[in-house]
mmCIF file of all heavy atoms, coordinates in Angstrom:
data_MODEL
# 
_entry.id   MODEL 
# 
loop_
_atom_site.group_PDB 
_atom_site.id 
_atom_site.type_symbol 
_atom_site.label_atom_id 
_atom_site.label_alt_id 
_atom_site.label_comp_id 
_atom_site.label_asym_id 
_atom_site.label_entity_id 
_atom_site.label_seq_id 
_atom_site.pdbx_PDB_ins_code 
_atom_site.Cartn_x 
_atom_site.Cartn_y 
_atom_site.Cartn_z 
_atom_site.occupancy 
_atom_site.B_iso_or_equiv 
_atom_site.pdbx_formal_charge 
_atom_site.auth_seq_id 
_atom_site.auth_comp_id 
_atom_site.auth_asym_id 
_atom_site.auth_atom_id 
_atom_site.pdbx_PDB_model_num 
ATOM 1   N N   . PRO A 1 1  ? 178.437 92.200 48.940 1.00 0.00 ? 1  PRO A N   1 
ATOM 2   C CA  . PRO A 1 1  ? 177.428 91.129 49.012 1.00 0.00 ? 1  PRO A CA  1 
ATOM 3   C C   . PRO A 1 1  ? 176.773 90.865 47.655 1.00 0.00 ? 1  PRO A C   1 
ATOM 4   O O   . PRO A 1 1  ? 175.549 90.844 47.530 1.00 0.00 ? 1  PRO A O   1 
ATOM 5   C CB  . PRO A 1 1  ? 176.423 91.684 50.026 1.00 0.00 ? 1  PRO A CB  1 
ATOM 6   C CG  . PRO A 1 1  ? 176.506 93.158 49.846 1.00 0.00 ? 1  PRO A CG  1 
ATOM 7   C CD  . PRO A 1 1  ? 177.944 93.452 49.514 1.00 0.00 ? 1  PRO A CD  1 
ATOM 8   N N   . SER A 1 2  ? 177.575 90.649 46.635 1.00 0.00 ? 2  SER A N   1 
ATOM 9   C CA  . SER A 1 2  ? 177.042 90.524 45.274 1.00 0.00 ? 2  SER A CA  1 
ATOM 10  C C   . SER A 1 2  ? 176.082 89.350 45.144 1.00 0.00 ? 2  SER A C   1 
ATOM 11  O O   . SER A 1 2  ? 175.035 89.467 44.489 1.00 0.00 ? 2  SER A O   1 
ATOM 12  C CB  . SER A 1 2  ? 178.183 90.407 44.264 1.00 0.00 ? 2  SER A CB  1 
ATOM 13  O OG  . SER A 1 2  ? 179.044 89.354 44.627 1.00 0.00 ? 2  SER A OG  1 
ATOM 14  N N   . THR A 1 3  ? 176.369 88.219 45.742 1.00 0.00 ? 3  THR A N   1 
ATOM 15  C CA  . THR A 1 3  ? 175.467 87.068 45.647 1.00 0.00 ? 3  THR A CA  1 
ATOM 16  C C   . THR A 1 3  ? 174.149 87.365 46.338 1.00 0.00 ? 3  THR A C   1 
ATOM 17  O O   . THR A 1 3  ? 173.077 87.084 45.810 1.00 0.00 ? 3  THR A O   1 
ATOM 18  C CB  . THR A 1 3  ? 176.118 85.812 46.267 1.00 0.00 ? 3  THR A CB  1 
ATOM 19  O OG1 . THR A 1 3  ? 177.326 85.533 45.567 1.00 0.00 ? 3  THR A OG1 1 
ATOM 20  C CG2 . THR A 1 3  ? 175.187 84.609 46.196 1.00 0.00 ? 3  THR A CG2 1 
ATOM 21  N N   . PHE A 1 4  ? 174.214 87.962 47.525 1.00 0.00 ? 4  PHE A N   1 
ATOM 22  C CA  . PHE A 1 4  ? 173.006 88.251 48.285 1.00 0.00 ? 4  PHE A CA  1 
ATOM 23  C C   . PHE A 1 4  ? 172.128 89.307 47.614 1.00 0.00 ? 4  PHE A C   1 
ATOM 24  O O   . PHE A 1 4  ? 170.923 89.329 47.803 1.00 0.00 ? 4  PHE A O   1 
ATOM 25  C CB  . PHE A 1 4  ? 173.353 88.708 49.698 1.00 0.00 ? 4  PHE A CB  1 
ATOM 26  C CG  . PHE A 1 4  ? 173.921 87.612 50.545 1.00 0.00 ? 4  PHE A CG  1 
ATOM 27  C CD1 . PHE A 1 4  ? 175.234 87.650 50.953 1.00 0.00 ? 4  PHE A CD1 1 
ATOM 28  C CD2 . PHE A 1 4  ? 173.147 86.529 50.926 1.00 0.00 ? 4  PHE A CD2 1 
ATOM 29  C CE1 . PHE A 1 4  ? 175.770 86.641 51.734 1.00 0.00 ? 4  PHE A CE1 1 
ATOM 30  C CE2 . PHE A 1 4  ? 173.671 85.508 51.703 1.00 0.00 ? 4  PHE A CE2 1 
ATOM 31  C CZ  . PHE A 1 4  ? 174.987 85.569 52.103 1.00 0.00 ? 4  PHE A CZ  1 
ATOM 32  N N   . LEU A 1 5  ? 172.739 90.205 46.847 1.00 0.00 ? 5  LEU A N   1 
ATOM 33  C CA  . LEU A 1 5  ? 171.984 91.281 46.198 1.00 0.00 ? 5  LEU A CA  1 
ATOM 34  C C   . LEU A 1 5  ? 171.519 90.904 44.795 1.00 0.00 ? 5  LEU A C   1 
ATOM 35  O O   . LEU A 1 5  ? 170.822 91.687 44.155 1.00 0.00 ? 5  LEU A O   1 
ATOM 36  C CB  . LEU A 1 5  ? 172.840 92.551 46.134 1.00 0.00 ? 5  LEU A CB  1 
ATOM 37  C CG  . LEU A 1 5  ? 173.214 93.145 47.497 1.00 0.00 ? 5  LEU A CG  1 
ATOM 38  C CD1 . LEU A 1 5  ? 174.109 94.354 47.314 1.00 0.00 ? 5  LEU A CD1 1 
ATOM 39  C CD2 . LEU A 1 5  ? 171.970 93.527 48.288 1.00 0.00 ? 5  LEU A CD2 1 
ATOM 40  N N   . SER A 1 6  ? 171.897 89.735 44.315 1.00 0.00 ? 6  SER A N   1 
ATOM 41  C CA  . SER A 1 6  ? 171.539 89.316 42.959 1.00 0.00 ? 6  SER A CA  1 
ATOM 42  C C   . SER A 1 6  ? 170.280 88.460 42.984 1.00 0.00 ? 6  SER A C   1 
ATOM 43  O O   . SER A 1 6  ? 170.282 87.350 43.522 1.00 0.00 ? 6  SER A O   1 
ATOM 44  C CB  . SER A 1 6  ? 172.687 88.519 42.327 1.00 0.00 ? 6  SER A CB  1 
ATOM 45  O OG  . SER A 1 6  ? 172.255 87.906 41.127 1.00 0.00 ? 6  SER A OG  1 
ATOM 46  N N   . GLU A 1 7  ? 169.214 88.976 42.385 1.00 0.00 ? 7  GLU A N   1 
ATOM 47  C CA  . GLU A 1 7  ? 167.971 88.211 42.278 1.00 0.00 ? 7  GLU A CA  1 
ATOM 48  C C   . GLU A 1 7  ? 168.156 86.982 41.390 1.00 0.00 ? 7  GLU A C   1 
ATOM 49  O O   . GLU A 1 7  ? 167.449 85.998 41.547 1.00 0.00 ? 7  GLU A O   1 
ATOM 50  C CB  . GLU A 1 7  ? 166.872 89.079 41.679 1.00 0.00 ? 7  GLU A CB  1 
ATOM 51  C CG  . GLU A 1 7  ? 165.741 89.557 42.545 1.00 0.00 ? 7  GLU A CG  1 
ATOM 52  C CD  . GLU A 1 7  ? 165.288 88.699 43.702 1.00 0.00 ? 7  GLU A CD  1 
ATOM 53  O OE1 . GLU A 1 7  ? 164.512 87.746 43.520 1.00 0.00 ? 7  GLU A OE1 1 
ATOM 54  O OE2 . GLU A 1 7  ? 165.680 88.997 44.825 1.00 0.00 ? 7  GLU A OE2 1 
ATOM 55  N N   . GLN A 1 8  ? 169.102 87.032 40.457 1.00 0.00 ? 8  GLN A N   1 
ATOM 56  C CA  . GLN A 1 8  ? 169.345 85.878 39.585 1.00 0.00 ? 8  GLN A CA  1 
ATOM 57  C C   . GLN A 1 8  ? 170.043 84.746 40.355 1.00 0.00 ? 8  GLN A C   1 
ATOM 58  O O   . GLN A 1 8  ? 169.718 83.577 40.193 1.00 0.00 ? 8  GLN A O   1 
ATOM 59  C CB  . GLN A 1 8  ? 170.197 86.275 38.372 1.00 0.00 ? 8  GLN A CB  1 
ATOM 60  C CG  . GLN A 1 8  ? 169.470 87.140 37.347 1.00 0.00 ? 8  GLN A CG  1 
ATOM 61  C CD  . GLN A 1 8  ? 169.277 88.578 37.841 1.00 0.00 ? 8  GLN A CD  1 
ATOM 62  O OE1 . GLN A 1 8  ? 170.116 89.125 38.534 1.00 0.00 ? 8  GLN A OE1 1 
ATOM 63  N NE2 . GLN A 1 8  ? 168.136 89.165 37.492 1.00 0.00 ? 8  GLN A NE2 1 
ATOM 64  N N   . GLN A 1 9  ? 171.016 85.096 41.203 1.00 0.00 ? 9  GLN A N   1 
ATOM 65  C CA  . GLN A 1 9  ? 171.755 84.081 41.939 1.00 0.00 ? 9  GLN A CA  1 
ATOM 66  C C   . GLN A 1 9  ? 171.039 83.609 43.191 1.00 0.00 ? 9  GLN A C   1 
ATOM 67  O O   . GLN A 1 9  ? 171.142 82.446 43.580 1.00 0.00 ? 9  GLN A O   1 
ATOM 68  C CB  . GLN A 1 9  ? 173.143 84.616 42.324 1.00 0.00 ? 9  GLN A CB  1 
ATOM 69  C CG  . GLN A 1 9  ? 174.036 84.850 41.117 1.00 0.00 ? 9  GLN A CG  1 
ATOM 70  C CD  . GLN A 1 9  ? 175.407 85.337 41.563 1.00 0.00 ? 9  GLN A CD  1 
ATOM 71  O OE1 . GLN A 1 9  ? 175.948 84.874 42.559 1.00 0.00 ? 9  GLN A OE1 1 
ATOM 72  N NE2 . GLN A 1 9  ? 175.970 86.271 40.812 1.00 0.00 ? 9  GLN A NE2 1 
ATOM 73  N N   . LEU A 1 10 ? 170.327 84.523 43.849 1.00 0.00 ? 10 LEU A N   1 
ATOM 74  C CA  . LEU A 1 10 ? 169.635 84.197 45.104 1.00 0.00 ? 10 LEU A CA  1 
ATOM 75  C C   . LEU A 1 10 ? 168.255 84.871 45.085 1.00 0.00 ? 10 LEU A C   1 
ATOM 76  O O   . LEU A 1 10 ? 168.062 85.925 45.676 1.00 0.00 ? 10 LEU A O   1 
ATOM 77  C CB  . LEU A 1 10 ? 170.466 84.677 46.300 1.00 0.00 ? 10 LEU A CB  1 
ATOM 78  C CG  . LEU A 1 10 ? 169.965 84.277 47.679 1.00 0.00 ? 10 LEU A CG  1 
ATOM 79  C CD1 . LEU A 1 10 ? 170.047 82.768 47.873 1.00 0.00 ? 10 LEU A CD1 1 
ATOM 80  C CD2 . LEU A 1 10 ? 170.777 84.983 48.752 1.00 0.00 ? 10 LEU A CD2 1 
ATOM 81  N N   . PRO A 1 11 ? 167.283 84.271 44.385 1.00 0.00 ? 11 PRO A N   1 
ATOM 82  C CA  . PRO A 1 11 ? 165.973 84.916 44.276 1.00 0.00 ? 11 PRO A CA  1 
ATOM 83  C C   . PRO A 1 11 ? 165.226 84.915 45.619 1.00 0.00 ? 11 PRO A C   1 
ATOM 84  O O   . PRO A 1 11 ? 165.046 83.875 46.236 1.00 0.00 ? 11 PRO A O   1 
ATOM 85  C CB  . PRO A 1 11 ? 165.238 84.079 43.233 1.00 0.00 ? 11 PRO A CB  1 
ATOM 86  C CG  . PRO A 1 11 ? 165.948 82.775 43.179 1.00 0.00 ? 11 PRO A CG  1 
ATOM 87  C CD  . PRO A 1 11 ? 167.358 83.013 43.652 1.00 0.00 ? 11 PRO A CD  1 
ATOM 88  N N   . VAL A 1 12 ? 164.828 86.090 46.055 1.00 0.00 ? 12 VAL A N   1 
ATOM 89  C CA  . VAL A 1 12 ? 164.041 86.221 47.275 1.00 0.00 ? 12 VAL A CA  1 
ATOM 90  C C   . VAL A 1 12 ? 162.747 86.995 47.022 1.00 0.00 ? 12 VAL A C   1 
ATOM 91  O O   . VAL A 1 12 ? 161.812 86.914 47.807 1.00 0.00 ? 12 VAL A O   1 
ATOM 92  C CB  . VAL A 1 12 ? 164.837 86.906 48.418 1.00 0.00 ? 12 VAL A CB  1 
ATOM 93  C CG1 . VAL A 1 12 ? 165.979 86.035 48.868 1.00 0.00 ? 12 VAL A CG1 1 
ATOM 94  C CG2 . VAL A 1 12 ? 165.301 88.282 48.023 1.00 0.00 ? 12 VAL A CG2 1 
ATOM 95  N N   . GLU A 1 13 ? 162.708 87.740 45.935 1.00 0.00 ? 13 GLU A N   1 
ATOM 96  C CA  . GLU A 1 13 ? 161.523 88.553 45.626 1.00 0.00 ? 13 GLU A CA  1 
ATOM 97  C C   . GLU A 1 13 ? 160.525 87.726 44.829 1.00 0.00 ? 13 GLU A C   1 
ATOM 98  O O   . GLU A 1 13 ? 160.211 88.026 43.680 1.00 0.00 ? 13 GLU A O   1 
ATOM 99  C CB  . GLU A 1 13 ? 161.946 89.812 44.872 1.00 0.00 ? 13 GLU A CB  1 
ATOM 100 C CG  . GLU A 1 13 ? 162.827 90.720 45.692 1.00 0.00 ? 13 GLU A CG  1 
ATOM 101 C CD  . GLU A 1 13 ? 163.313 91.934 44.913 1.00 0.00 ? 13 GLU A CD  1 
ATOM 102 O OE1 . GLU A 1 13 ? 162.798 92.194 43.821 1.00 0.00 ? 13 GLU A OE1 1 
ATOM 103 O OE2 . GLU A 1 13 ? 164.212 92.615 45.429 1.00 0.00 ? 13 GLU A OE2 1 
ATOM 104 N N   . THR A 1 14 ? 160.023 86.666 45.470 1.00 0.00 ? 14 THR A N   1 
ATOM 105 C CA  . THR A 1 14 ? 159.108 85.759 44.780 1.00 0.00 ? 14 THR A CA  1 
ATOM 106 C C   . THR A 1 14 ? 157.651 86.146 44.990 1.00 0.00 ? 14 THR A C   1 
ATOM 107 O O   . THR A 1 14 ? 156.789 85.697 44.248 1.00 0.00 ? 14 THR A O   1 
ATOM 108 C CB  . THR A 1 14 ? 159.338 84.317 45.252 1.00 0.00 ? 14 THR A CB  1 
ATOM 109 O OG1 . THR A 1 14 ? 159.178 84.278 46.683 1.00 0.00 ? 14 THR A OG1 1 
ATOM 110 C CG2 . THR A 1 14 ? 160.729 83.827 44.880 1.00 0.00 ? 14 THR A CG2 1 
ATOM 111 N N   . LEU A 1 15 ? 157.362 86.953 45.975 1.00 0.00 ? 15 LEU A N   1 
ATOM 112 C CA  . LEU A 1 15 ? 155.997 87.414 46.256 1.00 0.00 ? 15 LEU A CA  1 
ATOM 113 C C   . LEU A 1 15 ? 156.000 88.933 46.372 1.00 0.00 ? 15 LEU A C   1 
ATOM 114 O O   . LEU A 1 15 ? 157.029 89.548 46.623 1.00 0.00 ? 15 LEU A O   1 
ATOM 115 C CB  . LEU A 1 15 ? 155.480 86.804 47.566 1.00 0.00 ? 15 LEU A CB  1 
ATOM 116 C CG  . LEU A 1 15 ? 155.419 85.274 47.638 1.00 0.00 ? 15 LEU A CG  1 
ATOM 117 C CD1 . LEU A 1 15 ? 155.075 84.831 49.050 1.00 0.00 ? 15 LEU A CD1 1 
ATOM 118 C CD2 . LEU A 1 15 ? 154.397 84.741 46.653 1.00 0.00 ? 15 LEU A CD2 1 
ATOM 119 N N   . ASN A 1 16 ? 154.828 89.531 46.214 1.00 0.00 ? 16 ASN A N   1 
ATOM 120 C CA  . ASN A 1 16 ? 154.709 90.970 46.398 1.00 0.00 ? 16 ASN A CA  1 
ATOM 121 C C   . ASN A 1 16 ? 154.969 91.319 47.862 1.00 0.00 ? 16 ASN A C   1 
ATOM 122 O O   . ASN A 1 16 ? 154.552 90.588 48.771 1.00 0.00 ? 16 ASN A O   1 
ATOM 123 C CB  . ASN A 1 16 ? 153.317 91.460 45.986 1.00 0.00 ? 16 ASN A CB  1 
ATOM 124 C CG  . ASN A 1 16 ? 153.088 91.317 44.494 1.00 0.00 ? 16 ASN A CG  1 
ATOM 125 O OD1 . ASN A 1 16 ? 154.027 91.401 43.712 1.00 0.00 ? 16 ASN A OD1 1 
ATOM 126 N ND2 . ASN A 1 16 ? 151.852 91.092 44.106 1.00 0.00 ? 16 ASN A ND2 1 
ATOM 127 N N   . THR A 1 17 ? 155.641 92.433 48.103 1.00 0.00 ? 17 THR A N   1 
ATOM 128 C CA  . THR A 1 17 ? 155.912 92.889 49.457 1.00 0.00 ? 17 THR A CA  1 
ATOM 129 C C   . THR A 1 17 ? 154.607 93.379 50.084 1.00 0.00 ? 17 THR A C   1 
ATOM 130 O O   . THR A 1 17 ? 153.923 94.221 49.506 1.00 0.00 ? 17 THR A O   1 
ATOM 131 C CB  . THR A 1 17 ? 156.942 94.033 49.448 1.00 0.00 ? 17 THR A CB  1 
ATOM 132 O OG1 . THR A 1 17 ? 158.121 93.578 48.793 1.00 0.00 ? 17 THR A OG1 1 
ATOM 133 C CG2 . THR A 1 17 ? 157.263 94.484 50.860 1.00 0.00 ? 17 THR A CG2 1 
ATOM 134 N N   . PRO A 1 18 ? 154.246 92.840 51.265 1.00 0.00 ? 18 PRO A N   1 
ATOM 135 C CA  . PRO A 1 18 ? 153.000 93.296 51.893 1.00 0.00 ? 18 PRO A CA  1 
ATOM 136 C C   . PRO A 1 18 ? 153.099 94.754 52.313 1.00 0.00 ? 18 PRO A C   1 
ATOM 137 O O   . PRO A 1 18 ? 154.133 95.200 52.800 1.00 0.00 ? 18 PRO A O   1 
ATOM 138 C CB  . PRO A 1 18 ? 152.843 92.396 53.123 1.00 0.00 ? 18 PRO A CB  1 
ATOM 139 C CG  . PRO A 1 18 ? 153.989 91.468 53.135 1.00 0.00 ? 18 PRO A CG  1 
ATOM 140 C CD  . PRO A 1 18 ? 154.915 91.816 52.028 1.00 0.00 ? 18 PRO A CD  1 
ATOM 141 N N   . LYS A 1 19 ? 152.037 95.486 52.118 1.00 0.00 ? 19 LYS A N   1 
ATOM 142 C CA  . LYS A 1 19 ? 151.950 96.887 52.559 1.00 0.00 ? 19 LYS A CA  1 
ATOM 143 C C   . LYS A 1 19 ? 151.381 96.967 53.969 1.00 0.00 ? 19 LYS A C   1 
ATOM 144 O O   . LYS A 1 19 ? 151.629 97.894 54.703 1.00 0.00 ? 19 LYS A O   1 
ATOM 145 C CB  . LYS A 1 19 ? 151.077 97.702 51.606 1.00 0.00 ? 19 LYS A CB  1 
ATOM 146 C CG  . LYS A 1 19 ? 151.551 97.672 50.173 1.00 0.00 ? 19 LYS A CG  1 
ATOM 147 C CD  . LYS A 1 19 ? 152.730 98.585 49.974 1.00 0.00 ? 19 LYS A CD  1 
ATOM 148 C CE  . LYS A 1 19 ? 153.075 98.651 48.504 1.00 0.00 ? 19 LYS A CE  1 
ATOM 149 N NZ  . LYS A 1 19 ? 154.432 98.363 48.193 1.00 0.00 ? 19 LYS A NZ  1 
ATOM 150 N N   . GLN A 1 20 ? 150.570 95.993 54.336 1.00 0.00 ? 20 GLN A N   1 
ATOM 151 C CA  . GLN A 1 20 ? 150.003 95.926 55.680 1.00 0.00 ? 20 GLN A CA  1 
ATOM 152 C C   . GLN A 1 20 ? 149.615 94.490 55.961 1.00 0.00 ? 20 GLN A C   1 
ATOM 153 O O   . GLN A 1 20 ? 149.524 93.673 55.051 1.00 0.00 ? 20 GLN A O   1 
ATOM 154 C CB  . GLN A 1 20 ? 148.791 96.847 55.811 1.00 0.00 ? 20 GLN A CB  1 
ATOM 155 C CG  . GLN A 1 20 ? 147.650 96.478 54.870 1.00 0.00 ? 20 GLN A CG  1 
ATOM 156 C CD  . GLN A 1 20 ? 146.499 97.458 54.936 1.00 0.00 ? 20 GLN A CD  1 
ATOM 157 O OE1 . GLN A 1 20 ? 146.650 98.556 55.439 1.00 0.00 ? 20 GLN A OE1 1 
ATOM 158 N NE2 . GLN A 1 20 ? 145.347 97.073 54.451 1.00 0.00 ? 20 GLN A NE2 1 
ATOM 159 N N   . ALA A 1 21 ? 149.417 94.168 57.225 1.00 0.00 ? 21 ALA A N   1 
ATOM 160 C CA  . ALA A 1 21 ? 148.991 92.833 57.621 1.00 0.00 ? 21 ALA A CA  1 
ATOM 161 C C   . ALA A 1 21 ? 147.654 92.947 58.326 1.00 0.00 ? 21 ALA A C   1 
ATOM 162 O O   . ALA A 1 21 ? 147.443 93.889 59.109 1.00 0.00 ? 21 ALA A O   1 
ATOM 163 C CB  . ALA A 1 21 ? 150.023 92.201 58.553 1.00 0.00 ? 21 ALA A CB  1 
ATOM 164 N N   . PRO A 1 22 ? 146.738 92.043 58.044 1.00 0.00 ? 22 PRO A N   1 
ATOM 165 C CA  . PRO A 1 22 ? 145.425 92.138 58.699 1.00 0.00 ? 22 PRO A CA  1 
ATOM 166 C C   . PRO A 1 22 ? 145.545 91.867 60.194 1.00 0.00 ? 22 PRO A C   1 
ATOM 167 O O   . PRO A 1 22 ? 146.405 91.103 60.628 1.00 0.00 ? 22 PRO A O   1 
ATOM 168 C CB  . PRO A 1 22 ? 144.600 91.057 58.006 1.00 0.00 ? 22 PRO A CB  1 
ATOM 169 C CG  . PRO A 1 22 ? 145.607 90.087 57.481 1.00 0.00 ? 22 PRO A CG  1 
ATOM 170 C CD  . PRO A 1 22 ? 146.839 90.888 57.165 1.00 0.00 ? 22 PRO A CD  1 
ATOM 171 N N   . CYS A 1 23 ? 144.713 92.508 60.960 1.00 0.00 ? 23 CYS A N   1 
ATOM 172 C CA  . CYS A 1 23 ? 144.664 92.303 62.401 1.00 0.00 ? 23 CYS A CA  1 
ATOM 173 C C   . CYS A 1 23 ? 143.850 91.035 62.672 1.00 0.00 ? 23 CYS A C   1 
ATOM 174 O O   . CYS A 1 23 ? 142.853 90.779 62.019 1.00 0.00 ? 23 CYS A O   1 
ATOM 175 C CB  . CYS A 1 23 ? 143.990 93.507 63.050 1.00 0.00 ? 23 CYS A CB  1 
ATOM 176 S SG  . CYS A 1 23 ? 143.913 93.401 64.822 1.00 0.00 ? 23 CYS A SG  1 
ATOM 177 N N   . VAL A 1 24 ? 144.308 90.233 63.602 1.00 0.00 ? 24 VAL A N   1 
ATOM 178 C CA  . VAL A 1 24 ? 143.560 89.046 64.010 1.00 0.00 ? 24 VAL A CA  1 
ATOM 179 C C   . VAL A 1 24 ? 142.796 89.422 65.262 1.00 0.00 ? 24 VAL A C   1 
ATOM 180 O O   . VAL A 1 24 ? 143.388 89.857 66.251 1.00 0.00 ? 24 VAL A O   1 
ATOM 181 C CB  . VAL A 1 24 ? 144.528 87.866 64.299 1.00 0.00 ? 24 VAL A CB  1 
ATOM 182 C CG1 . VAL A 1 24 ? 143.748 86.659 64.778 1.00 0.00 ? 24 VAL A CG1 1 
ATOM 183 C CG2 . VAL A 1 24 ? 145.339 87.552 63.055 1.00 0.00 ? 24 VAL A CG2 1 
# 
């Protein structure tokens, strides 16, 4: 899965990964 694993070809890490989500 070279295309899927390449941030240059398929950028998905555009935001910081959440560590937790607030409770509503």
